[in-house]
Amino acid sequence: MAVEPPDPSPLFATRHLRAVPSNRSWTSSTPGARIAVEITAREAVVAITGEIDLANIEALHDALRNVRALGAKRIVIDASELDFLAVAPARELAAAKDIKIVGAYGISKRVLDLITANQFPSAGQRSRGG
């Protein structure tokens, strides 16, 4: 019995292209979070309910890749229902030039405020003592 070798092309490279919904709004759920997306003529709104951490960040990455693939130039993250945002995903969101975060509260807002005030140094800054 002959066994075919695995496909050498990486799955993640085209994953977002296959996952792009044909309509302009969709919802995805993961353990701990629900991500609802609506794309208008001017922007994409990504509403997050629950928690975003390293366990479910890939669902948020997928949503952001999809809205960008559909041509969104501005992405608004509605954090009004976001109960927790881990530091690593918060850094990614805060660093993105096409993302604006609105409605954050509680610990999520605190983490975002600290990141934008540069009070969480990156790993490279910590190793250099700065």
N, C-alpha and C. Protein backbone atom coordinates (compact mmCIF):
# COMPACT_ATOMS: atom_id res chain seq x y z
N MET A 1 0.85 -1.17 0.00
CA MET A 1 0.00 0.00 0.00
C MET A 1 0.90 1.23 0.00
N ALA A 2 0.66 2.11 -0.96
CA ALA A 2 1.45 3.34 -1.05
C ALA A 2 0.81 4.43 -0.21
N VAL A 3 1.65 5.15 0.50
CA VAL A 3 1.18 6.26 1.32
C VAL A 3 1.69 7.54 0.70
N GLU A 4 0.77 8.47 0.43
CA GLU A 4 1.18 9.73 -0.16
C GLU A 4 1.82 10.62 0.90
N PRO A 5 2.88 11.34 0.52
CA PRO A 5 3.51 12.26 1.48
C PRO A 5 2.56 13.41 1.78
N PRO A 6 2.70 14.01 2.95
CA PRO A 6 1.84 15.15 3.28
C PRO A 6 2.11 16.33 2.36
N ASP A 7 1.11 17.15 2.19
CA ASP A 7 1.23 18.35 1.38
C ASP A 7 2.24 19.29 2.04
N PRO A 8 3.30 19.70 1.34
CA PRO A 8 4.33 20.54 1.97
C PRO A 8 3.89 21.99 2.18
N SER A 9 2.79 22.42 1.55
CA SER A 9 2.39 23.82 1.72
C SER A 9 1.76 24.00 3.10
N PRO A 10 2.11 25.09 3.77
CA PRO A 10 1.58 25.31 5.11
C PRO A 10 0.09 25.61 5.07
N LEU A 11 -0.66 25.01 5.97
CA LEU A 11 -2.10 25.21 6.02
C LEU A 11 -2.45 26.63 6.42
N PHE A 12 -1.69 27.22 7.33
CA PHE A 12 -2.05 28.54 7.83
C PHE A 12 -1.90 29.63 6.79
N ALA A 13 -1.12 29.41 5.76
CA ALA A 13 -0.88 30.45 4.76
C ALA A 13 -2.15 30.77 3.97
N THR A 14 -3.02 29.79 3.75
CA THR A 14 -4.24 30.02 2.99
C THR A 14 -5.48 29.86 3.84
N ARG A 15 -5.32 29.62 5.10
CA ARG A 15 -6.46 29.35 5.97
C ARG A 15 -7.47 30.49 5.94
N HIS A 16 -7.01 31.72 6.07
CA HIS A 16 -7.94 32.83 6.11
C HIS A 16 -8.66 33.04 4.78
N LEU A 17 -8.05 32.66 3.68
CA LEU A 17 -8.70 32.83 2.40
C LEU A 17 -9.86 31.85 2.22
N ARG A 18 -9.71 30.66 2.74
CA ARG A 18 -10.80 29.69 2.65
C ARG A 18 -11.91 30.02 3.63
N ALA A 19 -11.58 30.71 4.71
CA ALA A 19 -12.56 30.96 5.76
C ALA A 19 -13.34 32.25 5.57
N VAL A 20 -13.01 33.04 4.56
CA VAL A 20 -13.69 34.32 4.38
C VAL A 20 -15.15 34.07 4.03
N PRO A 21 -16.06 34.56 4.86
CA PRO A 21 -17.48 34.36 4.59
C PRO A 21 -17.91 35.16 3.36
N SER A 22 -18.94 34.68 2.68
CA SER A 22 -19.42 35.37 1.50
C SER A 22 -20.30 36.56 1.86
N ASN A 23 -20.90 36.55 3.05
CA ASN A 23 -21.72 37.70 3.45
C ASN A 23 -20.88 38.71 4.23
N ARG A 24 -21.47 39.80 4.62
CA ARG A 24 -20.74 40.89 5.25
C ARG A 24 -20.87 40.89 6.76
N SER A 25 -21.46 39.86 7.35
CA SER A 25 -21.50 39.74 8.81
C SER A 25 -21.52 38.27 9.18
N TRP A 26 -20.85 37.95 10.26
CA TRP A 26 -20.80 36.58 10.75
C TRP A 26 -20.40 36.57 12.21
N THR A 27 -20.58 35.42 12.83
CA THR A 27 -20.23 35.23 14.24
C THR A 27 -19.45 33.94 14.38
N SER A 28 -18.44 33.97 15.23
CA SER A 28 -17.72 32.73 15.56
C SER A 28 -17.63 32.63 17.09
N SER A 29 -17.67 31.42 17.56
CA SER A 29 -17.59 31.19 19.01
C SER A 29 -16.47 30.22 19.32
N THR A 30 -15.78 30.50 20.41
CA THR A 30 -14.74 29.62 20.92
C THR A 30 -14.99 29.48 22.41
N PRO A 31 -14.35 28.53 23.06
CA PRO A 31 -14.50 28.48 24.51
C PRO A 31 -14.02 29.80 25.13
N GLY A 32 -14.92 30.50 25.78
CA GLY A 32 -14.55 31.74 26.45
C GLY A 32 -14.84 33.01 25.69
N ALA A 33 -15.13 32.92 24.38
CA ALA A 33 -15.34 34.15 23.62
C ALA A 33 -16.31 33.95 22.47
N ARG A 34 -16.98 35.02 22.13
CA ARG A 34 -17.83 35.09 20.94
C ARG A 34 -17.40 36.32 20.17
N ILE A 35 -17.16 36.16 18.87
CA ILE A 35 -16.68 37.25 18.03
C ILE A 35 -17.70 37.47 16.91
N ALA A 36 -18.31 38.65 16.91
CA ALA A 36 -19.29 39.00 15.88
C ALA A 36 -18.69 40.08 14.99
N VAL A 37 -18.80 39.89 13.69
CA VAL A 37 -18.21 40.80 12.72
C VAL A 37 -19.31 41.36 11.82
N GLU A 38 -19.25 42.66 11.61
CA GLU A 38 -20.14 43.30 10.64
C GLU A 38 -19.31 44.29 9.83
N ILE A 39 -19.38 44.16 8.52
CA ILE A 39 -18.62 45.03 7.63
C ILE A 39 -19.59 45.97 6.93
N THR A 40 -19.32 47.26 7.04
CA THR A 40 -20.11 48.27 6.35
C THR A 40 -19.25 48.85 5.22
N ALA A 41 -19.79 49.82 4.54
CA ALA A 41 -19.03 50.46 3.46
C ALA A 41 -17.81 51.20 3.98
N ARG A 42 -17.86 51.64 5.24
CA ARG A 42 -16.78 52.46 5.78
C ARG A 42 -15.79 51.70 6.66
N GLU A 43 -16.27 50.66 7.36
CA GLU A 43 -15.40 50.00 8.34
C GLU A 43 -15.93 48.62 8.67
N ALA A 44 -15.12 47.89 9.42
CA ALA A 44 -15.54 46.61 9.97
C ALA A 44 -15.63 46.77 11.48
N VAL A 45 -16.71 46.28 12.06
CA VAL A 45 -16.86 46.28 13.51
C VAL A 45 -16.75 44.85 13.99
N VAL A 46 -15.81 44.62 14.90
CA VAL A 46 -15.58 43.30 15.48
C VAL A 46 -15.94 43.41 16.96
N ALA A 47 -17.08 42.83 17.32
CA ALA A 47 -17.55 42.88 18.70
C ALA A 47 -17.15 41.59 19.42
N ILE A 48 -16.46 41.74 20.54
CA ILE A 48 -15.96 40.59 21.29
C ILE A 48 -16.72 40.49 22.60
N THR A 49 -17.25 39.30 22.88
CA THR A 49 -17.91 39.02 24.15
C THR A 49 -17.11 37.94 24.86
N GLY A 50 -16.83 38.15 26.13
CA GLY A 50 -16.10 37.14 26.90
C GLY A 50 -14.66 37.51 27.15
N GLU A 51 -13.76 36.56 26.88
CA GLU A 51 -12.35 36.74 27.19
C GLU A 51 -11.49 36.38 25.98
N ILE A 52 -10.42 37.15 25.78
CA ILE A 52 -9.43 36.83 24.75
C ILE A 52 -8.09 36.62 25.45
N ASP A 53 -7.56 35.42 25.27
CA ASP A 53 -6.25 35.08 25.82
C ASP A 53 -5.55 34.18 24.82
N LEU A 54 -4.46 33.58 25.22
CA LEU A 54 -3.69 32.76 24.28
C LEU A 54 -4.43 31.51 23.83
N ALA A 55 -5.41 31.07 24.62
CA ALA A 55 -6.17 29.86 24.27
C ALA A 55 -7.10 30.09 23.08
N ASN A 56 -7.57 31.33 22.88
CA ASN A 56 -8.53 31.56 21.81
C ASN A 56 -8.16 32.74 20.91
N ILE A 57 -6.94 33.21 20.98
CA ILE A 57 -6.52 34.35 20.17
C ILE A 57 -6.60 34.04 18.67
N GLU A 58 -6.45 32.78 18.29
CA GLU A 58 -6.49 32.45 16.87
C GLU A 58 -7.84 32.77 16.24
N ALA A 59 -8.93 32.67 17.00
CA ALA A 59 -10.25 33.03 16.47
C ALA A 59 -10.30 34.53 16.16
N LEU A 60 -9.68 35.35 17.00
CA LEU A 60 -9.62 36.78 16.73
C LEU A 60 -8.72 37.06 15.53
N HIS A 61 -7.59 36.36 15.45
CA HIS A 61 -6.71 36.51 14.28
C HIS A 61 -7.47 36.19 13.00
N ASP A 62 -8.25 35.09 13.01
CA ASP A 62 -9.03 34.70 11.83
C ASP A 62 -10.01 35.81 11.43
N ALA A 63 -10.71 36.35 12.42
CA ALA A 63 -11.68 37.41 12.13
C ALA A 63 -10.99 38.63 11.52
N LEU A 64 -9.85 39.02 12.08
CA LEU A 64 -9.13 40.18 11.57
C LEU A 64 -8.58 39.93 10.16
N ARG A 65 -8.05 38.74 9.91
CA ARG A 65 -7.57 38.40 8.56
C ARG A 65 -8.72 38.44 7.56
N ASN A 66 -9.87 37.93 7.98
CA ASN A 66 -11.02 37.89 7.08
C ASN A 66 -11.50 39.29 6.72
N VAL A 67 -11.63 40.17 7.71
CA VAL A 67 -12.11 41.52 7.38
C VAL A 67 -11.10 42.27 6.52
N ARG A 68 -9.83 42.04 6.75
CA ARG A 68 -8.81 42.67 5.90
C ARG A 68 -8.88 42.11 4.48
N ALA A 69 -9.09 40.80 4.37
CA ALA A 69 -9.19 40.18 3.04
C ALA A 69 -10.41 40.69 2.28
N LEU A 70 -11.44 41.10 2.99
CA LEU A 70 -12.63 41.67 2.36
C LEU A 70 -12.49 43.17 2.08
N GLY A 71 -11.33 43.72 2.38
CA GLY A 71 -11.04 45.10 2.00
C GLY A 71 -11.27 46.16 3.06
N ALA A 72 -11.53 45.77 4.30
CA ALA A 72 -11.74 46.77 5.35
C ALA A 72 -10.46 47.56 5.60
N LYS A 73 -10.55 48.86 5.56
CA LYS A 73 -9.40 49.73 5.81
C LYS A 73 -9.34 50.17 7.26
N ARG A 74 -10.48 50.16 7.93
CA ARG A 74 -10.54 50.54 9.34
C ARG A 74 -11.32 49.46 10.08
N ILE A 75 -10.78 49.02 11.22
CA ILE A 75 -11.41 47.99 12.02
C ILE A 75 -11.68 48.57 13.41
N VAL A 76 -12.92 48.50 13.84
CA VAL A 76 -13.29 48.95 15.17
C VAL A 76 -13.54 47.71 16.02
N ILE A 77 -12.79 47.60 17.11
CA ILE A 77 -13.00 46.52 18.06
C ILE A 77 -13.95 47.04 19.13
N ASP A 78 -15.14 46.45 19.20
CA ASP A 78 -16.11 46.81 20.23
C ASP A 78 -15.81 45.93 21.45
N ALA A 79 -15.20 46.54 22.46
CA ALA A 79 -14.79 45.81 23.66
C ALA A 79 -15.76 46.01 24.82
N SER A 80 -16.97 46.48 24.52
CA SER A 80 -17.94 46.76 25.59
C SER A 80 -18.42 45.51 26.31
N GLU A 81 -18.24 44.34 25.71
CA GLU A 81 -18.61 43.07 26.34
C GLU A 81 -17.38 42.20 26.61
N LEU A 82 -16.20 42.79 26.46
CA LEU A 82 -14.95 42.04 26.66
C LEU A 82 -14.58 42.08 28.13
N ASP A 83 -14.67 40.93 28.79
CA ASP A 83 -14.42 40.86 30.23
C ASP A 83 -12.93 40.76 30.57
N PHE A 84 -12.12 40.18 29.68
CA PHE A 84 -10.70 40.00 29.96
C PHE A 84 -9.94 40.03 28.65
N LEU A 85 -8.80 40.70 28.65
CA LEU A 85 -7.91 40.74 27.51
C LEU A 85 -6.49 40.54 28.01
N ALA A 86 -5.88 39.43 27.59
CA ALA A 86 -4.52 39.13 28.01
C ALA A 86 -3.54 40.13 27.40
N VAL A 87 -2.37 40.23 27.98
CA VAL A 87 -1.39 41.23 27.56
C VAL A 87 -0.93 41.02 26.12
N ALA A 88 -0.61 39.79 25.73
CA ALA A 88 -0.11 39.56 24.36
C ALA A 88 -1.13 39.96 23.30
N PRO A 89 -2.39 39.53 23.40
CA PRO A 89 -3.36 39.99 22.40
C PRO A 89 -3.60 41.50 22.47
N ALA A 90 -3.54 42.07 23.66
CA ALA A 90 -3.73 43.52 23.80
C ALA A 90 -2.61 44.26 23.09
N ARG A 91 -1.38 43.78 23.19
CA ARG A 91 -0.25 44.40 22.48
C ARG A 91 -0.47 44.38 20.98
N GLU A 92 -0.93 43.23 20.47
CA GLU A 92 -1.17 43.11 19.03
C GLU A 92 -2.23 44.10 18.56
N LEU A 93 -3.33 44.19 19.31
CA LEU A 93 -4.41 45.09 18.92
C LEU A 93 -3.96 46.54 18.99
N ALA A 94 -3.26 46.90 20.06
CA ALA A 94 -2.83 48.28 20.24
C ALA A 94 -1.80 48.69 19.19
N ALA A 95 -1.02 47.75 18.70
CA ALA A 95 0.03 48.07 17.73
C ALA A 95 -0.50 48.18 16.30
N ALA A 96 -1.66 47.62 16.03
CA ALA A 96 -2.20 47.64 14.67
C ALA A 96 -2.67 49.04 14.30
N LYS A 97 -2.19 49.54 13.19
CA LYS A 97 -2.52 50.90 12.76
C LYS A 97 -3.96 51.03 12.26
N ASP A 98 -4.56 49.92 11.80
CA ASP A 98 -5.91 50.00 11.24
C ASP A 98 -7.00 49.64 12.27
N ILE A 99 -6.62 49.47 13.54
CA ILE A 99 -7.58 49.07 14.57
C ILE A 99 -7.79 50.19 15.58
N LYS A 100 -9.06 50.40 15.91
CA LYS A 100 -9.43 51.32 16.98
C LYS A 100 -10.27 50.51 17.97
N ILE A 101 -9.92 50.59 19.25
CA ILE A 101 -10.62 49.84 20.29
C ILE A 101 -11.55 50.80 21.03
N VAL A 102 -12.83 50.44 21.11
CA VAL A 102 -13.81 51.28 21.79
C VAL A 102 -14.55 50.46 22.85
N GLY A 103 -15.00 51.15 23.90
CA GLY A 103 -15.85 50.53 24.89
C GLY A 103 -15.18 49.65 25.92
N ALA A 104 -13.86 49.62 25.95
CA ALA A 104 -13.17 48.77 26.93
C ALA A 104 -13.45 49.25 28.35
N TYR A 105 -13.52 48.32 29.27
CA TYR A 105 -13.78 48.65 30.67
C TYR A 105 -13.02 47.66 31.55
N GLY A 106 -12.98 47.94 32.83
CA GLY A 106 -12.40 47.02 33.80
C GLY A 106 -10.95 46.67 33.51
N ILE A 107 -10.63 45.39 33.69
CA ILE A 107 -9.24 44.94 33.54
C ILE A 107 -8.78 45.05 32.10
N SER A 108 -9.68 44.87 31.13
CA SER A 108 -9.30 45.02 29.72
C SER A 108 -8.84 46.44 29.43
N LYS A 109 -9.58 47.41 29.93
CA LYS A 109 -9.20 48.82 29.75
C LYS A 109 -7.88 49.11 30.45
N ARG A 110 -7.70 48.57 31.64
CA ARG A 110 -6.47 48.80 32.40
C ARG A 110 -5.26 48.26 31.63
N VAL A 111 -5.37 47.06 31.10
CA VAL A 111 -4.27 46.47 30.33
C VAL A 111 -3.97 47.32 29.10
N LEU A 112 -5.01 47.73 28.38
CA LEU A 112 -4.80 48.58 27.20
C LEU A 112 -4.18 49.92 27.57
N ASP A 113 -4.64 50.51 28.68
CA ASP A 113 -4.07 51.79 29.12
C ASP A 113 -2.59 51.65 29.45
N LEU A 114 -2.22 50.56 30.13
CA LEU A 114 -0.82 50.34 30.48
C LEU A 114 0.04 50.11 29.24
N ILE A 115 -0.49 49.38 28.29
CA ILE A 115 0.26 49.12 27.06
C ILE A 115 0.47 50.41 26.27
N THR A 116 -0.58 51.20 26.13
CA THR A 116 -0.43 52.43 25.35
C THR A 116 0.45 53.45 26.07
N ALA A 117 0.59 53.31 27.39
CA ALA A 117 1.49 54.18 28.15
C ALA A 117 2.89 53.58 28.24
N ASN A 118 3.12 52.45 27.53
CA ASN A 118 4.42 51.75 27.51
C ASN A 118 4.88 51.31 28.89
N GLN A 119 3.95 50.92 29.73
CA GLN A 119 4.34 50.44 31.05
C GLN A 119 4.54 48.94 31.08
N PHE A 120 4.25 48.24 29.98
CA PHE A 120 4.57 46.83 29.86
C PHE A 120 5.69 46.71 28.84
N PRO A 121 6.95 46.67 29.25
CA PRO A 121 8.04 46.60 28.28
C PRO A 121 8.02 45.26 27.55
N SER A 122 8.51 45.27 26.33
CA SER A 122 8.61 44.03 25.57
C SER A 122 9.73 43.19 26.15
N ALA A 123 9.80 41.94 25.71
CA ALA A 123 10.83 41.03 26.22
C ALA A 123 12.22 41.57 25.94
N GLY A 124 12.42 42.17 24.77
CA GLY A 124 13.73 42.74 24.42
C GLY A 124 14.10 43.90 25.33
N GLN A 125 13.13 44.73 25.69
CA GLN A 125 13.41 45.85 26.58
C GLN A 125 13.77 45.36 27.97
N ARG A 126 13.09 44.31 28.44
CA ARG A 126 13.38 43.76 29.77
C ARG A 126 14.79 43.19 29.82
N SER A 127 15.22 42.49 28.74
CA SER A 127 16.54 41.88 28.76
C SER A 127 17.65 42.92 28.70
N ARG A 128 17.34 44.11 28.16
CA ARG A 128 18.34 45.18 28.08
C ARG A 128 18.29 46.07 29.31
N GLY A 129 17.34 45.78 30.20
CA GLY A 129 17.25 46.58 31.40
C GLY A 129 16.45 47.86 31.24
N GLY A 130 15.70 48.01 30.13
CA GLY A 130 14.98 49.22 29.88
C GLY A 130 13.56 49.00 29.71
